[in-house]
Amino acid sequence: MPESVGRRRDRRVYLGSHPVLFALLAATRRWPVRRWGRTVLVHGTQAYQDTLTRVPLDRRAGTTTGGTAQRLGGSRLLFDEDGAGHRDSRRALVDTLGSAGVARLRPVWTAVLAERLAPLATGGTVDLVRVAAELAGATTVALLGSTADPVGLAAAARRVAATAAAEQLPGLRRPGQRRAARAAAGELTALLGVPADEVGRAAMLAVAAVNTTVAAIPRCVAWCADDRLWNAADTDDSREVLVNELLRVTAPSPLLPRVAAAEGSADGCPVRAGDRLLLVARHAAQAHRQGPDCAAPAPPKVAQLVFGAGGHACPGARLARVQLADTLAALAPYRPVVVRSRVDRRAGLPGWAELTVRGTT
């Protein structure tokens, strides 16, 4: 079957952002699990689930999200806690981002969409990256009760992710990289305007919420426009399927760096304490094999893997789905096409620096 326009365009975000890393991942994806010295590459669906649900993970290792969390505020963060502390913090966040919490936040991003997408009605163009950044920043400010400017907060959170990714991902370290990471973290925490004992948690939530949203929404819109999937965005039921498929194939956080805290096994491959784990969410969710198909979507358990698994599943999954659904619903009447796209070569997550669309109706 010929490769779709949507897949060809989306591949550019990987080739433009981290070409060497993703060439390595593409070369090794034929194996569900592949060991390179003390690094274990996890591609397979079962291996990915095993690693997240059966292998004890070191939440404080410097090359993981937990390590970033400690730089942003020290202790008591969801990303670096263990045991009961992790479960309690996670439960509180799930409650905040449950149905009621998302319903409370929804007017924030729908107002941004209504204002920023208005030019499409008169033949104008819109940069979806800017819209996504403002939408994410405004939502995060409302979620945290922050006094920060939404656009400024989003920019600071994106800088933190970019410097953190440079430290976490394999490769040579550039001079001043760690200093840049500390400076970016300091800028973000200064902007938040929350009580001192909440700064670390608020900063990490801001980084996660902003960067996944800015990566996901423009990429999903581009794929939808390129492959002419707008009909599926017209009704609630078909839009729900479309959202799940688009998030599965784009996998906004395609690679999860982790470290094993103790021995375990991933689909039969032994894992030792201290092993560095590179969990490839996009391969586990079969994004490289099957494009978005609303007539025959991937099983829900597979599609969900882009948000993690078990106790490591992302508590913001509902928020991400509803935000994308509302964005697609707002765009669908205009049947937009992409008129300009430019890869963000500095972002923490693969994405677009610019994605400009124009309505066709």
Protein backbone atom coordinates (compact mmCIF):
# COMPACT_ATOMS: atom_id res chain seq x y z
CA MET A 1 0.00 0.00 0.00
CA PRO A 2 1.44 3.44 -0.92
CA GLU A 3 2.59 5.58 1.97
CA SER A 4 0.12 8.33 2.86
CA VAL A 5 0.87 12.04 2.62
CA GLY A 6 0.21 12.35 6.34
CA ARG A 7 2.83 9.76 7.25
CA ARG A 8 5.42 11.29 4.90
CA ARG A 9 4.98 14.72 6.43
CA ASP A 10 4.95 13.42 10.00
CA ARG A 11 8.20 11.53 9.46
CA ARG A 12 9.89 14.89 8.97
CA VAL A 13 9.47 15.77 12.64
CA TYR A 14 11.62 12.78 13.58
CA LEU A 15 14.22 13.22 10.85
CA GLY A 16 14.51 16.91 11.62
CA SER A 17 14.61 16.79 15.42
CA HIS A 18 16.69 13.73 16.42
CA PRO A 19 17.78 12.03 13.17
CA VAL A 20 20.56 9.83 14.58
CA LEU A 21 18.51 8.57 17.50
CA PHE A 22 15.45 7.75 15.44
CA ALA A 23 17.56 6.09 12.75
CA LEU A 24 18.88 3.80 15.50
CA LEU A 25 15.36 3.09 16.74
CA ALA A 26 14.12 2.36 13.22
CA ALA A 27 17.03 -0.01 12.61
CA THR A 28 16.32 -2.01 15.79
CA ARG A 29 12.52 -2.08 15.80
CA ARG A 30 12.41 -5.54 14.20
CA TRP A 31 13.33 -6.90 17.65
CA PRO A 32 10.77 -6.48 20.47
CA VAL A 33 13.69 -5.96 22.88
CA ARG A 34 17.31 -5.24 21.98
CA ARG A 35 20.24 -4.85 24.38
CA TRP A 36 23.20 -2.57 23.59
CA GLY A 37 25.60 -2.90 26.52
CA ARG A 38 23.75 -1.51 29.56
CA THR A 39 21.02 0.08 27.39
CA VAL A 40 17.86 -1.89 26.62
CA LEU A 41 15.74 -0.74 23.67
CA VAL A 42 12.09 -1.74 24.13
CA HIS A 43 9.94 -1.73 20.98
CA GLY A 44 7.43 -4.56 21.27
CA THR A 45 3.92 -4.12 22.63
CA GLN A 46 4.26 -6.86 25.24
CA ALA A 47 7.81 -5.87 26.18
CA TYR A 48 6.71 -2.26 26.68
CA GLN A 49 3.84 -3.33 28.94
CA ASP A 50 6.10 -5.68 30.90
CA THR A 51 8.70 -2.98 31.48
CA LEU A 52 6.18 -0.46 32.81
CA THR A 53 4.20 -2.92 34.92
CA ARG A 54 6.75 -5.52 36.08
CA VAL A 55 10.21 -3.95 36.14
CA PRO A 56 10.97 -1.77 39.20
CA LEU A 57 12.04 1.67 37.95
CA ASP A 58 14.44 4.17 39.49
CA ARG A 59 12.41 7.38 39.62
CA ARG A 60 15.33 9.56 40.68
CA ALA A 61 17.93 8.63 38.06
CA GLY A 62 19.43 11.72 36.44
CA THR A 63 18.62 10.67 32.89
CA THR A 64 14.91 10.17 33.58
CA THR A 65 11.85 12.37 34.05
CA GLY A 66 12.30 12.01 37.79
CA GLY A 67 15.78 13.49 37.52
CA THR A 68 14.33 16.47 35.71
CA ALA A 69 11.66 16.75 38.40
CA GLN A 70 14.27 17.04 41.13
CA ARG A 71 16.04 19.83 39.26
CA LEU A 72 12.73 21.67 39.08
CA GLY A 73 11.87 21.52 42.73
CA GLY A 74 13.41 18.77 44.79
CA SER A 75 11.22 16.18 46.47
CA ARG A 76 7.56 15.17 46.71
CA LEU A 77 6.91 15.16 42.99
CA LEU A 78 4.77 12.58 41.25
CA PHE A 79 7.65 11.83 38.87
CA ASP A 80 10.26 10.92 41.50
CA GLU A 81 8.21 9.34 44.30
CA ASP A 82 7.97 5.66 45.12
CA GLY A 83 5.41 3.39 46.71
CA ALA A 84 2.57 4.93 48.70
CA GLY A 85 3.78 8.49 48.07
CA HIS A 86 3.59 7.96 44.33
CA ARG A 87 0.15 6.39 44.56
CA ASP A 88 -1.23 9.22 46.73
CA SER A 89 0.13 11.96 44.47
CA ARG A 90 -1.08 10.16 41.40
CA ARG A 91 -4.57 9.69 42.84
CA ALA A 92 -4.80 13.40 43.63
CA LEU A 93 -3.75 14.34 40.09
CA VAL A 94 -6.17 11.85 38.53
CA ASP A 95 -8.97 13.45 40.57
CA THR A 96 -7.91 16.91 39.39
CA LEU A 97 -7.86 15.80 35.74
CA GLY A 98 -10.95 13.59 35.90
CA SER A 99 -14.26 14.32 34.21
CA ALA A 100 -15.20 17.17 36.53
CA GLY A 101 -11.76 18.76 36.38
CA VAL A 102 -11.61 18.65 32.60
CA ALA A 103 -15.13 20.08 32.37
CA ARG A 104 -14.05 22.96 34.60
CA LEU A 105 -11.02 23.72 32.43
CA ARG A 106 -12.75 23.27 29.08
CA PRO A 107 -14.02 26.87 28.68
CA VAL A 108 -10.40 28.06 28.93
CA TRP A 109 -9.19 26.33 25.77
CA THR A 110 -12.44 26.62 23.83
CA ALA A 111 -12.19 30.41 24.24
CA VAL A 112 -8.66 30.33 22.81
CA LEU A 113 -9.82 28.21 19.88
CA ALA A 114 -12.80 30.46 19.12
CA GLU A 115 -10.61 33.56 18.99
CA ARG A 116 -7.48 32.22 17.28
CA LEU A 117 -9.21 30.11 14.61
CA ALA A 118 -11.58 32.92 13.55
CA PRO A 119 -9.37 34.03 10.58
CA LEU A 120 -10.15 30.74 8.83
CA ALA A 121 -13.73 31.90 8.31
CA THR A 122 -12.57 34.76 6.07
CA GLY A 123 -9.88 32.93 4.11
CA GLY A 124 -7.04 33.76 6.47
CA THR A 125 -4.30 31.47 7.75
CA VAL A 126 -3.54 30.25 11.26
CA ASP A 127 -0.33 28.85 12.77
CA LEU A 128 -1.50 25.86 14.82
CA VAL A 129 1.74 25.76 16.83
CA ARG A 130 1.05 29.21 18.25
CA VAL A 131 -2.56 28.28 18.93
CA ALA A 132 -1.53 25.07 20.70
CA ALA A 133 1.06 26.91 22.80
CA GLU A 134 -1.45 29.53 23.95
CA LEU A 135 -4.11 26.87 24.55
CA ALA A 136 -1.67 24.80 26.63
CA GLY A 137 -0.39 27.80 28.56
CA ALA A 138 -3.87 29.08 29.38
CA THR A 139 -5.00 25.62 30.49
CA THR A 140 -1.92 25.17 32.68
CA VAL A 141 -2.34 28.57 34.31
CA ALA A 142 -5.97 27.71 35.14
CA LEU A 143 -5.04 24.24 36.38
CA LEU A 144 -2.33 25.52 38.72
CA GLY A 145 -4.02 28.74 39.81
CA SER A 146 -0.91 30.54 38.55
CA THR A 147 -0.54 34.26 37.93
CA ALA A 148 1.78 33.74 34.94
CA ASP A 149 1.16 34.99 31.41
CA PRO A 150 -0.03 31.90 29.48
CA VAL A 151 2.14 32.51 26.40
CA GLY A 152 5.22 33.27 28.49
CA LEU A 153 4.64 30.22 30.67
CA ALA A 154 4.31 27.98 27.62
CA ALA A 155 7.56 29.34 26.15
CA ALA A 156 9.44 28.75 29.42
CA ALA A 157 8.06 25.21 29.77
CA ARG A 158 9.15 24.40 26.23
CA ARG A 159 12.69 25.62 26.97
CA VAL A 160 12.87 23.38 30.04
CA ALA A 161 11.82 20.35 27.98
CA ALA A 162 14.34 21.13 25.24
CA THR A 163 17.26 21.34 27.67
CA ALA A 164 16.08 18.28 29.62
CA ALA A 165 15.82 16.20 26.44
CA ALA A 166 19.37 17.14 25.52
CA GLU A 167 20.50 15.64 28.84
CA GLN A 168 18.28 12.55 28.85
CA LEU A 169 18.73 11.28 25.29
CA PRO A 170 21.85 9.40 24.14
CA GLY A 171 24.58 11.41 22.47
CA LEU A 172 27.42 13.82 23.11
CA ARG A 173 26.92 16.52 25.72
CA ARG A 174 27.52 20.04 24.47
CA PRO A 175 29.45 22.55 26.62
CA GLY A 176 27.13 24.52 28.88
CA GLN A 177 24.25 22.08 28.44
CA ARG A 178 23.70 21.47 32.14
CA ARG A 179 23.98 25.19 32.89
CA ALA A 180 21.33 25.91 30.25
CA ALA A 181 19.04 23.32 31.83
CA ARG A 182 19.38 24.92 35.26
CA ALA A 183 18.74 28.40 33.85
CA ALA A 184 15.61 27.24 32.01
CA ALA A 185 14.28 25.56 35.16
CA GLY A 186 14.92 28.70 37.18
CA GLU A 187 13.10 30.86 34.65
CA LEU A 188 10.03 28.63 34.73
CA THR A 189 9.80 28.39 38.50
CA ALA A 190 10.13 32.17 38.80
CA LEU A 191 7.19 32.66 36.42
CA LEU A 192 4.73 30.35 38.12
CA GLY A 193 3.56 32.56 40.96
CA VAL A 194 2.49 29.65 43.20
CA PRO A 195 3.35 28.98 46.88
CA ALA A 196 6.94 27.88 47.46
CA ASP A 197 6.00 24.38 48.58
CA GLU A 198 4.06 23.87 45.31
CA VAL A 199 6.69 25.17 42.88
CA GLY A 200 8.29 21.84 42.03
CA ARG A 201 5.03 20.02 41.37
CA ALA A 202 3.61 22.97 39.44
CA ALA A 203 6.73 23.29 37.28
CA MET A 204 6.75 19.63 36.34
CA LEU A 205 3.05 19.62 35.52
CA ALA A 206 3.57 22.72 33.37
CA VAL A 207 6.41 21.06 31.45
CA ALA A 208 4.39 17.90 30.84
CA ALA A 209 1.11 19.61 29.93
CA VAL A 210 2.58 22.27 27.64
CA ASN A 211 5.05 20.14 25.71
CA THR A 212 2.79 17.19 24.99
CA THR A 213 0.01 19.54 23.84
CA VAL A 214 2.27 21.62 21.58
CA ALA A 215 3.72 18.44 20.09
CA ALA A 216 0.41 16.60 19.67
CA ILE A 217 -2.17 19.04 18.34
CA PRO A 218 -0.30 20.43 15.30
CA ARG A 219 0.94 16.98 14.27
CA CYS A 220 -2.56 15.49 14.56
CA VAL A 221 -4.09 18.35 12.58
CA ALA A 222 -1.45 18.00 9.85
CA TRP A 223 -2.10 14.28 9.49
CA CYS A 224 -5.86 14.86 9.46
CA ALA A 225 -5.54 17.53 6.78
CA ASP A 226 -3.04 15.64 4.61
CA ASP A 227 -5.05 12.42 4.57
CA ARG A 228 -8.43 14.21 4.35
CA LEU A 229 -9.89 12.77 7.51
CA TRP A 230 -12.12 15.74 8.31
CA ASN A 231 -15.35 13.81 7.72
CA ALA A 232 -14.54 11.75 10.80
CA ALA A 233 -14.29 14.94 12.86
CA ASP A 234 -17.88 15.99 12.10
CA THR A 235 -19.70 13.90 14.72
CA ASP A 236 -18.97 13.07 18.35
CA ASP A 237 -18.75 9.29 17.91
CA SER A 238 -16.49 9.27 14.86
CA ARG A 239 -14.41 12.11 16.30
CA GLU A 240 -13.66 10.06 19.40
CA VAL A 241 -12.28 7.24 17.23
CA LEU A 242 -10.31 9.74 15.14
CA VAL A 243 -8.75 11.30 18.23
CA ASN A 244 -7.59 7.95 19.57
CA GLU A 245 -6.10 6.97 16.21
CA LEU A 246 -4.33 10.29 15.66
CA LEU A 247 -2.80 10.24 19.14
CA ARG A 248 -1.72 6.64 18.59
CA VAL A 249 0.11 7.32 15.32
CA THR A 250 1.68 10.60 16.43
CA ALA A 251 2.66 9.32 19.92
CA PRO A 252 3.46 12.82 21.30
CA SER A 253 5.96 11.33 23.78
CA PRO A 254 7.43 8.69 21.47
CA LEU A 255 10.37 7.71 23.66
CA LEU A 256 10.38 7.22 27.45
CA PRO A 257 13.87 7.14 29.06
CA ARG A 258 13.88 5.08 32.26
CA VAL A 259 16.36 3.26 34.51
CA ALA A 260 15.78 -0.15 36.13
CA ALA A 261 15.93 -0.13 39.92
CA ALA A 262 16.10 -3.92 40.25
CA GLU A 263 16.13 -7.07 38.16
CA GLY A 264 13.17 -7.88 35.98
CA SER A 265 12.17 -9.14 32.56
CA ALA A 266 10.73 -7.54 29.41
CA ASP A 267 9.07 -10.11 27.16
CA GLY A 268 11.67 -12.70 28.19
CA CYS A 269 14.70 -10.38 28.00
CA PRO A 270 16.48 -10.10 31.39
CA VAL A 271 16.78 -6.57 32.78
CA ARG A 272 19.39 -5.78 35.43
CA ALA A 273 19.43 -3.07 38.08
CA GLY A 274 20.97 0.08 36.63
CA ASP A 275 20.14 -0.76 33.03
CA ARG A 276 19.12 2.24 30.97
CA LEU A 277 15.74 1.61 29.34
CA LEU A 278 14.57 3.35 26.17
CA LEU A 279 10.85 2.59 25.81
CA VAL A 280 9.59 3.35 22.31
CA ALA A 281 5.92 4.17 22.76
CA ARG A 282 5.21 4.73 19.06
CA HIS A 283 6.42 1.24 18.17
CA ALA A 284 4.59 -0.39 21.08
CA ALA A 285 1.38 1.27 19.83
CA GLN A 286 2.09 0.03 16.28
CA ALA A 287 2.21 3.58 14.92
CA HIS A 288 4.94 2.60 12.45
CA ARG A 289 2.84 -0.23 11.00
CA GLN A 290 -0.74 1.05 10.89
CA GLY A 291 -1.84 4.59 10.04
CA PRO A 292 -4.99 6.19 11.47
CA ASP A 293 -7.94 4.04 10.42
CA CYS A 294 -11.33 5.02 11.78
CA ALA A 295 -13.00 2.06 10.07
CA ALA A 296 -10.66 -0.48 11.70
CA PRO A 297 -8.97 1.28 14.63
CA ALA A 298 -6.34 -0.33 16.80
CA PRO A 299 -7.62 -2.07 19.96
CA PRO A 300 -8.05 0.39 22.86
CA LYS A 301 -5.37 -1.38 24.92
CA VAL A 302 -2.85 -0.78 22.13
CA ALA A 303 -3.89 2.83 21.44
CA GLN A 304 -3.64 3.62 25.16
CA LEU A 305 0.06 2.69 25.24
CA VAL A 306 1.10 6.14 24.01
CA PHE A 307 -0.02 7.28 27.48
CA GLY A 308 1.92 4.55 29.30
CA ALA A 309 0.59 1.51 31.13
CA GLY A 310 -0.47 0.39 34.60
CA GLY A 311 0.70 2.61 37.43
CA HIS A 312 2.80 4.56 34.95
CA ALA A 313 -0.11 5.61 32.72
CA CYS A 314 -0.34 9.36 32.13
CA PRO A 315 -3.04 10.93 34.32
CA GLY A 316 -3.53 13.68 31.71
CA ALA A 317 -4.77 11.32 28.99
CA ARG A 318 -8.40 12.47 29.29
CA LEU A 319 -7.35 16.13 29.11
CA ALA A 320 -5.26 15.47 25.98
CA ARG A 321 -8.10 13.65 24.23
CA VAL A 322 -10.72 16.30 24.98
CA GLN A 323 -8.46 19.17 23.94
CA LEU A 324 -7.67 17.48 20.63
CA ALA A 325 -11.34 16.59 20.05
CA ASP A 326 -12.39 20.21 20.61
CA THR A 327 -9.64 21.45 18.28
CA LEU A 328 -10.70 19.07 15.51
CA ALA A 329 -14.37 19.98 16.00
CA ALA A 330 -13.53 23.67 15.71
CA LEU A 331 -11.44 23.12 12.55
CA ALA A 332 -13.63 20.60 10.75
CA PRO A 333 -16.14 23.09 9.25
CA TYR A 334 -13.27 24.82 7.40
CA ARG A 335 -11.68 21.60 6.02
CA PRO A 336 -8.22 23.19 6.42
CA VAL A 337 -5.13 22.24 4.42
CA VAL A 338 -1.49 22.74 5.39
CA VAL A 339 0.15 25.60 3.51
CA ARG A 340 3.45 25.75 5.40
CA SER A 341 5.28 23.55 7.91
CA ARG A 342 8.67 23.79 9.57
CA VAL A 343 10.23 21.25 11.95
CA ASP A 344 11.23 22.38 15.44
CA ARG A 345 14.84 21.18 15.72
CA ARG A 346 15.21 22.28 19.35
CA ALA A 347 12.02 20.99 20.95
CA GLY A 348 12.00 18.43 23.72
CA LEU A 349 9.45 16.35 21.80
CA PRO A 350 9.31 15.86 18.02
CA GLY A 351 7.05 18.52 16.58
CA TRP A 352 6.56 21.52 14.36
CA ALA A 353 7.99 24.99 14.91
CA GLU A 354 5.31 26.22 12.50
CA LEU A 355 2.24 24.58 11.01
CA THR A 356 0.16 27.09 9.05
CA VAL A 357 -3.25 26.04 7.73
CA ARG A 358 -5.88 27.67 5.54
CA GLY A 359 -9.55 26.78 5.33
CA THR A 360 -10.96 25.48 2.06
CA THR A 361 -14.65 26.12 2.79
